[in-house]
Amino acid sequence: MTATYEPFTPAGSPEPRRSRYTDRYADDRYDDGYRRPEDPWAGQQQRSWESGPVWAETSFAEPQQPRYDQPAYDQPAYDQPRYDQPRYEEQPGSGQHAPPAPALDERRPARGKVKPLVIALVAVLLGVTGWQAYRIESVIKSSNDLASAVSTAQNRSADLEKALTNVFDPEGISAAALPSVFRVRAGDFTGTAFSVGTKAADGTANLFTNFHVVESVWKAGDRAVTLEQGKTRIDARIVKVSEAKDLALLVAKKVIKPLGVFLGKVKAGQPVVVLGNPLGLDDTVTTGVISAFREDDADGPTIQFDAPINPGNSGGPVVNTSRKVVGLATAKARDAEGIGLAIPIATACSTFNVC
């Protein structure tokens, strides 16, 4: 037996709430307008609670299937799985269900984490690039500084070399020039001669001296003279002379290292060394400066110097600080001190064309 209950409604209260399964309120629609299903317990004795609950005999007639006129989409699809529930699949042979697959949001990396990583990577790359640019700039600057330092050092070396060239070193000048300087014995007269030029024939050497040194031999029709240096004796010949310019060209039968020549104009105050054989004294060296350069002398351009000279110095080389010959010592003023005269080497070279 089945008991049917109705909700308790006190006297004087508003209309009681309708029940789905009461005969008193058999209206088949809900308040929302939908039709109610038919009461499956129709035919049973029921009473309201106004006279108290009453047990009713249950009818064994088969209840009618309730009818639902509600739209199909209002009915829950019990045979369809719900996608918000995790689905478990049974593992073969284990009898256990596999854990649910990770949600889609868990498989994808969060955008909020990727963006800071990209920004950090870009910042690192920019920092590395900036550091490399700084290093390259530093290397370039160092290279420029080094090149500037090398250039400055080269300029200083050139200036120093030039300065050293202009340094007056009588000892060095004498040591370089004396092997090319000889005493000339021409009959009863002696003087000085030196090797010059590069146009001598093989096995020979060209030497300059004054004409007045070899004048007696030349006018006697003889051409043979002797070159002396210590115990060394070299035969030589007079090949050309210029009586007007007081110059003579000798050719020795031996190779002698020539001295370099300076064909420019000398200046007053330049230091010089005069080498020769005054009074027959071998390998004599005196020093002084250029006193003047006289281009308009009656006998031609003349160099005046103050280095002491004596008979026997005639024809000797006057050498500058560059160890080059600037003239041939020729004469000295009588009854005076420190006035010597020399023929410019340019005059001798142009006269005999052997330099």
Protein backbone atom coordinates (compact mmCIF):
# COMPACT_ATOMS: atom_id res chain seq x y z
CA MET A 1 0.00 0.00 0.00
CA THR A 2 1.11 3.46 -0.79
CA ALA A 3 0.18 6.58 1.08
CA THR A 4 -0.28 9.87 -0.79
CA TYR A 5 0.44 13.14 1.04
CA GLU A 6 -0.75 16.61 0.35
CA PRO A 7 0.97 19.67 1.72
CA PHE A 8 -0.59 21.11 4.90
CA THR A 9 -2.66 24.24 4.26
CA PRO A 10 -3.83 26.21 7.32
CA ALA A 11 -7.32 27.71 7.38
CA GLY A 12 -7.60 31.20 5.96
CA SER A 13 -4.22 30.96 4.21
CA PRO A 14 -3.81 31.78 0.55
CA GLU A 15 -4.42 29.18 -2.02
CA PRO A 16 -2.16 26.31 -1.33
CA ARG A 17 0.69 25.49 -3.66
CA ARG A 18 -0.38 23.05 -6.22
CA SER A 19 1.04 19.60 -6.19
CA ARG A 20 1.96 17.62 -9.26
CA TYR A 21 0.16 14.53 -8.06
CA THR A 22 -3.15 15.62 -6.46
CA ASP A 23 -6.67 15.26 -7.77
CA ARG A 24 -7.85 18.44 -6.11
CA TYR A 25 -5.59 20.53 -8.30
CA ALA A 26 -5.76 18.50 -11.42
CA ASP A 27 -4.68 21.29 -13.66
CA ASP A 28 -2.16 19.76 -16.00
CA ARG A 29 0.04 22.82 -16.41
CA TYR A 30 2.74 24.32 -14.25
CA ASP A 31 2.98 27.94 -13.39
CA ASP A 32 5.54 28.36 -16.14
CA GLY A 33 3.07 27.15 -18.79
CA TYR A 34 4.37 23.66 -19.35
CA ARG A 35 1.98 20.71 -19.24
CA ARG A 36 2.27 18.35 -16.30
CA PRO A 37 2.47 14.62 -16.83
CA GLU A 38 -0.55 12.58 -16.03
CA ASP A 39 -0.82 11.30 -12.49
CA PRO A 40 0.34 7.68 -12.47
CA TRP A 41 -1.66 7.05 -9.30
CA ALA A 42 -5.00 7.95 -10.73
CA GLY A 43 -7.84 5.85 -9.26
CA GLN A 44 -6.48 5.67 -5.79
CA GLN A 45 -8.45 7.00 -2.88
CA GLN A 46 -7.01 10.22 -1.66
CA ARG A 47 -8.09 12.77 0.86
CA SER A 48 -6.93 16.18 1.74
CA TRP A 49 -5.24 16.93 4.98
CA GLU A 50 -8.27 18.90 6.10
CA SER A 51 -9.75 15.75 7.62
CA GLY A 52 -6.39 14.21 8.43
CA PRO A 53 -4.38 11.60 6.58
CA VAL A 54 -6.25 8.59 5.34
CA TRP A 55 -4.76 5.40 4.23
CA ALA A 56 -6.14 4.39 0.87
CA GLU A 57 -6.22 1.11 -0.81
CA THR A 58 -3.76 0.97 -3.57
CA SER A 59 -5.06 0.15 -6.98
CA PHE A 60 -3.11 -2.44 -8.75
CA ALA A 61 -4.10 -1.13 -12.11
CA GLU A 62 -1.03 -0.50 -14.19
CA PRO A 63 -0.27 3.19 -14.10
CA GLN A 64 -0.12 5.05 -17.31
CA GLN A 65 3.20 6.17 -18.56
CA PRO A 66 3.62 9.86 -17.86
CA ARG A 67 3.63 12.02 -20.93
CA TYR A 68 6.00 14.86 -21.39
CA ASP A 69 5.26 17.58 -23.85
CA GLN A 70 8.41 19.46 -22.96
CA PRO A 71 10.88 20.18 -25.75
CA ALA A 72 13.50 17.53 -26.32
CA TYR A 73 16.31 19.85 -25.46
CA ASP A 74 14.94 20.21 -21.91
CA GLN A 75 15.43 16.52 -21.28
CA PRO A 76 18.84 15.57 -20.01
CA ALA A 77 20.72 13.36 -22.41
CA TYR A 78 21.59 10.56 -20.03
CA ASP A 79 23.05 8.43 -22.75
CA GLN A 80 25.53 11.17 -23.79
CA PRO A 81 28.76 11.58 -21.85
CA ARG A 82 29.33 14.94 -20.24
CA TYR A 83 32.47 16.60 -21.57
CA ASP A 84 33.19 18.48 -18.41
CA GLN A 85 33.73 15.18 -16.62
CA PRO A 86 37.05 13.37 -16.98
CA ARG A 87 36.76 10.13 -18.88
CA TYR A 88 38.66 7.10 -17.79
CA GLU A 89 39.71 4.34 -20.08
CA GLU A 90 40.50 0.94 -18.84
CA GLN A 91 44.05 -0.17 -19.36
CA PRO A 92 44.27 -3.50 -21.12
CA GLY A 93 45.05 -6.33 -18.72
CA SER A 94 45.30 -4.12 -15.67
CA GLY A 95 41.68 -3.60 -14.73
CA GLN A 96 42.48 -0.04 -13.79
CA HIS A 97 41.47 3.19 -15.34
CA ALA A 98 44.06 5.49 -16.91
CA PRO A 99 44.41 8.93 -15.44
CA PRO A 100 42.61 11.69 -17.29
CA ALA A 101 44.37 13.46 -20.13
CA PRO A 102 45.68 16.89 -19.23
CA ALA A 103 43.38 19.73 -19.95
CA LEU A 104 43.98 21.80 -23.08
CA ASP A 105 45.02 24.80 -21.01
CA GLU A 106 47.65 22.69 -19.24
CA ARG A 107 49.21 21.54 -22.54
CA ARG A 108 49.84 25.02 -23.89
CA PRO A 109 52.45 27.25 -22.26
CA ALA A 110 51.02 30.33 -20.74
CA ARG A 111 51.49 33.45 -22.87
CA GLY A 112 52.30 35.46 -19.79
CA LYS A 113 55.47 33.37 -19.29
CA VAL A 114 56.67 33.39 -22.93
CA LYS A 115 56.64 37.15 -23.37
CA PRO A 116 59.07 37.92 -20.49
CA LEU A 117 61.43 35.23 -21.82
CA VAL A 118 61.45 36.81 -25.29
CA ILE A 119 62.06 40.25 -23.81
CA ALA A 120 64.91 38.91 -21.68
CA LEU A 121 66.49 37.17 -24.71
CA VAL A 122 66.28 40.36 -26.78
CA ALA A 123 67.83 42.34 -23.94
CA VAL A 124 70.72 39.85 -23.69
CA LEU A 125 71.31 39.99 -27.46
CA LEU A 126 71.30 43.78 -27.39
CA GLY A 127 73.76 43.75 -24.51
CA VAL A 128 76.12 41.35 -26.32
CA THR A 129 75.90 43.43 -29.51
CA GLY A 130 76.66 46.61 -27.60
CA TRP A 131 79.61 45.01 -25.86
CA GLN A 132 81.03 43.75 -29.17
CA ALA A 133 80.59 47.19 -30.74
CA TYR A 134 82.41 48.74 -27.76
CA ARG A 135 85.25 46.24 -28.10
CA ILE A 136 85.55 46.85 -31.85
CA GLU A 137 85.61 50.60 -31.26
CA SER A 138 88.28 50.12 -28.58
CA VAL A 139 90.40 47.98 -30.93
CA ILE A 140 90.06 50.54 -33.73
CA LYS A 141 91.00 53.35 -31.36
CA SER A 142 93.98 51.35 -30.09
CA SER A 143 95.08 50.67 -33.68
CA ASN A 144 94.80 54.34 -34.55
CA ASP A 145 96.74 55.30 -31.44
CA LEU A 146 99.40 52.72 -32.29
CA ALA A 147 99.63 53.95 -35.89
CA SER A 148 99.91 57.51 -34.65
CA ALA A 149 102.60 56.51 -32.18
CA VAL A 150 104.54 54.64 -34.89
CA SER A 151 104.25 57.61 -37.24
CA THR A 152 105.42 59.94 -34.51
CA ALA A 153 108.33 57.63 -33.71
CA GLN A 154 109.29 57.48 -37.39
CA ASN A 155 109.19 61.25 -37.64
CA ARG A 156 111.29 61.53 -34.52
CA SER A 157 113.74 58.98 -35.92
CA ALA A 158 114.00 60.96 -39.16
CA ASP A 159 114.52 64.16 -37.20
CA LEU A 160 117.08 62.47 -34.99
CA GLU A 161 118.89 61.03 -37.99
CA LYS A 162 118.91 64.44 -39.58
CA ALA A 163 120.15 65.99 -36.38
CA LEU A 164 122.85 63.34 -36.04
CA THR A 165 123.81 63.96 -39.62
CA ASN A 166 124.34 67.58 -38.79
CA VAL A 167 126.27 66.78 -35.65
CA PHE A 168 129.89 67.70 -36.16
CA ASP A 169 131.98 64.58 -35.62
CA PRO A 170 135.56 65.26 -36.78
CA GLU A 171 136.74 61.84 -35.64
CA GLY A 172 134.10 59.98 -37.62
CA ILE A 173 134.57 62.18 -40.64
CA SER A 174 138.32 61.69 -40.58
CA ALA A 175 138.07 57.92 -40.16
CA ALA A 176 135.71 57.68 -43.16
CA ALA A 177 137.66 60.01 -45.45
CA LEU A 178 141.36 59.37 -44.78
CA PRO A 179 141.59 55.98 -46.63
CA SER A 180 140.74 57.87 -49.85
CA VAL A 181 143.30 60.68 -49.29
CA PHE A 182 146.96 60.45 -50.54
CA ARG A 183 150.11 62.52 -50.65
CA VAL A 184 151.12 63.39 -54.22
CA ARG A 185 154.84 63.44 -55.04
CA ALA A 186 155.46 65.29 -58.30
CA GLY A 187 159.18 65.89 -58.79
CA ASP A 188 160.37 68.14 -56.00
CA PHE A 189 156.87 69.20 -54.96
CA THR A 190 154.34 67.50 -52.74
CA GLY A 191 150.66 68.09 -52.18
CA THR A 192 147.41 66.17 -51.54
CA ALA A 193 144.98 64.23 -53.80
CA PHE A 194 141.76 62.27 -53.09
CA SER A 195 139.69 59.70 -54.97
CA VAL A 196 136.37 60.88 -56.35
CA GLY A 197 133.67 59.88 -58.81
CA THR A 198 132.38 56.57 -60.17
CA LYS A 199 133.40 56.83 -63.82
CA ALA A 200 136.90 55.40 -63.54
CA ALA A 201 137.79 52.44 -65.76
CA ASP A 202 138.08 48.99 -64.26
CA GLY A 203 141.11 48.64 -61.96
CA THR A 204 141.67 52.38 -61.79
CA ALA A 205 140.61 55.44 -59.78
CA ASN A 206 140.14 59.13 -60.58
CA LEU A 207 141.71 61.68 -58.21
CA PHE A 208 141.54 65.50 -57.92
CA THR A 209 144.42 67.82 -56.94
CA ASN A 210 145.59 71.38 -57.70
CA PHE A 211 147.40 72.19 -60.90
CA HIS A 212 150.17 74.06 -59.06
CA VAL A 213 151.00 70.76 -57.23
CA VAL A 214 151.87 68.93 -60.53
CA GLU A 215 152.74 72.01 -62.59
CA SER A 216 156.48 71.32 -62.84
CA VAL A 217 155.97 67.75 -64.06
CA TRP A 218 153.19 68.73 -66.48
CA LYS A 219 155.24 71.56 -68.02
CA ALA A 220 158.29 69.31 -68.27
CA GLY A 221 156.23 67.02 -70.47
CA ASP A 222 156.15 64.23 -67.96
CA ARG A 223 152.87 62.71 -66.74
CA ALA A 224 153.97 60.26 -64.05
CA VAL A 225 153.37 60.99 -60.36
CA THR A 226 153.35 58.88 -57.19
CA LEU A 227 150.62 58.50 -54.59
CA GLU A 228 151.82 57.75 -51.06
CA GLN A 229 149.94 56.67 -47.95
CA GLY A 230 152.13 55.31 -45.16
CA LYS A 231 154.19 52.53 -46.80
CA THR A 232 151.78 52.25 -49.72
CA ARG A 233 152.99 53.53 -53.11
CA ILE A 234 150.66 53.79 -56.13
CA ASP A 235 151.67 54.90 -59.63
CA ALA A 236 149.42 57.51 -61.19
CA ARG A 237 149.32 59.72 -64.31
CA ILE A 238 148.22 63.29 -65.01
CA VAL A 239 145.48 63.04 -67.62
CA LYS A 240 143.85 66.48 -67.63
CA VAL A 241 144.56 69.90 -66.18
CA SER A 242 142.87 73.35 -65.96
CA GLU A 243 145.54 75.95 -65.37
CA ALA A 244 142.95 78.76 -65.13
CA LYS A 245 140.98 76.99 -62.43
CA ASP A 246 144.06 75.45 -60.78
CA LEU A 247 142.75 71.91 -61.16
CA ALA A 248 144.28 68.58 -62.23
CA LEU A 249 142.84 65.09 -62.84
CA LEU A 250 144.94 62.03 -61.98
CA VAL A 251 144.29 58.39 -62.79
CA ALA A 252 145.75 55.74 -60.44
CA LYS A 253 146.44 52.16 -61.46
CA LYS A 254 144.48 50.81 -58.49
CA VAL A 255 140.90 50.82 -57.22
CA ILE A 256 140.49 53.44 -54.49
CA LYS A 257 137.22 54.07 -52.67
CA PRO A 258 135.85 57.43 -53.83
CA LEU A 259 134.49 60.12 -51.54
CA GLY A 260 130.97 61.49 -51.95
CA VAL A 261 130.49 65.03 -53.19
CA PHE A 262 128.12 67.87 -52.29
CA LEU A 263 127.22 69.88 -55.42
CA GLY A 264 125.05 72.48 -53.68
CA LYS A 265 125.97 75.81 -52.24
CA VAL A 266 127.62 75.92 -48.83
CA LYS A 267 126.54 78.39 -46.14
CA ALA A 268 128.53 80.43 -43.70
CA GLY A 269 128.85 78.83 -40.30
CA GLN A 270 128.77 75.21 -41.49
CA PRO A 271 131.51 73.14 -39.81
CA VAL A 272 134.13 71.46 -41.99
CA VAL A 273 137.17 69.19 -41.72
CA VAL A 274 140.25 69.68 -43.90
CA LEU A 275 142.45 66.66 -44.56
CA GLY A 276 145.93 66.72 -46.09
CA ASN A 277 149.68 66.48 -45.74
CA PRO A 278 150.97 69.88 -44.58
CA LEU A 279 154.76 70.14 -44.82
CA GLY A 280 154.85 66.47 -45.72
CA LEU A 281 153.15 65.30 -42.52
CA ASP A 282 150.83 62.41 -43.40
CA ASP A 283 147.12 62.19 -42.48
CA THR A 284 146.74 65.61 -40.92
CA VAL A 285 143.28 66.84 -39.87
CA THR A 286 142.19 70.40 -39.05
CA THR A 287 138.71 71.73 -38.33
CA GLY A 288 136.86 75.00 -38.79
CA VAL A 289 133.74 76.54 -40.32
CA ILE A 290 132.75 78.02 -43.62
CA SER A 291 133.53 81.71 -43.31
CA ALA A 292 131.92 82.76 -46.60
CA PHE A 293 130.94 81.59 -50.04
CA ARG A 294 132.24 84.03 -52.67
CA GLU A 295 130.65 83.49 -56.07
CA ASP A 296 131.97 86.64 -57.77
CA ASP A 297 135.73 86.25 -57.24
CA ALA A 298 137.95 86.97 -60.22
CA ASP A 299 139.20 83.39 -60.28
CA GLY A 300 135.67 81.98 -60.03
CA PRO A 301 133.45 80.90 -57.08
CA THR A 302 135.49 80.44 -53.91
CA ILE A 303 134.83 78.98 -50.46
CA GLN A 304 136.44 80.75 -47.53
CA PHE A 305 137.04 78.77 -44.34
CA ASP A 306 138.99 79.26 -41.12
CA ALA A 307 140.55 75.80 -40.62
CA PRO A 308 144.40 76.02 -40.45
CA ILE A 309 146.22 74.91 -43.60
CA ASN A 310 149.86 74.97 -44.70
CA PRO A 311 151.98 74.11 -47.75
CA GLY A 312 151.27 70.46 -48.51
CA ASN A 313 147.49 70.83 -47.86
CA SER A 314 146.95 71.97 -51.48
CA GLY A 315 144.47 69.71 -53.26
CA GLY A 316 143.17 68.22 -50.00
CA PRO A 317 139.39 67.66 -49.50
CA VAL A 318 137.21 70.01 -47.42
CA VAL A 319 134.50 67.73 -45.94
CA ASN A 320 131.20 68.71 -44.33
CA THR A 321 129.27 67.00 -41.53
CA SER A 322 127.60 64.65 -44.04
CA ARG A 323 131.05 63.30 -44.90
CA LYS A 324 130.85 64.74 -48.38
CA VAL A 325 133.44 66.88 -50.12
CA VAL A 326 132.45 70.52 -50.64
CA GLY A 327 135.76 71.82 -52.06
CA LEU A 328 139.52 71.47 -52.64
CA ALA A 329 141.83 73.39 -50.30
CA THR A 330 143.95 75.65 -52.53
CA ALA A 331 145.61 78.54 -50.70
CA LYS A 332 145.86 80.63 -47.60
CA ALA A 333 146.21 84.35 -47.06
CA ARG A 334 149.74 85.53 -46.26
CA ASP A 335 150.36 87.46 -43.11
CA ALA A 336 146.89 86.49 -41.82
CA GLU A 337 145.36 83.85 -39.61
CA GLY A 338 142.31 81.71 -40.31
CA ILE A 339 141.76 82.68 -43.93
CA GLY A 340 141.85 79.65 -46.22
CA LEU A 341 140.43 79.30 -49.71
CA ALA A 342 138.94 76.31 -51.54
CA ILE A 343 137.65 75.59 -55.04
CA PRO A 344 134.02 74.28 -54.94
CA ILE A 345 133.81 70.58 -55.82
CA ALA A 346 131.03 71.40 -58.28
CA THR A 347 133.57 73.34 -60.34
CA ALA A 348 135.97 70.40 -60.48
CA CYS A 349 133.22 67.90 -61.37
CA SER A 350 131.90 70.08 -64.19
CA THR A 351 135.44 70.70 -65.50
CA PHE A 352 136.43 67.02 -65.80
CA ASN A 353 133.02 65.29 -65.89
CA VAL A 354 134.04 62.34 -63.69
CA CYS A 355 131.77 62.75 -60.61
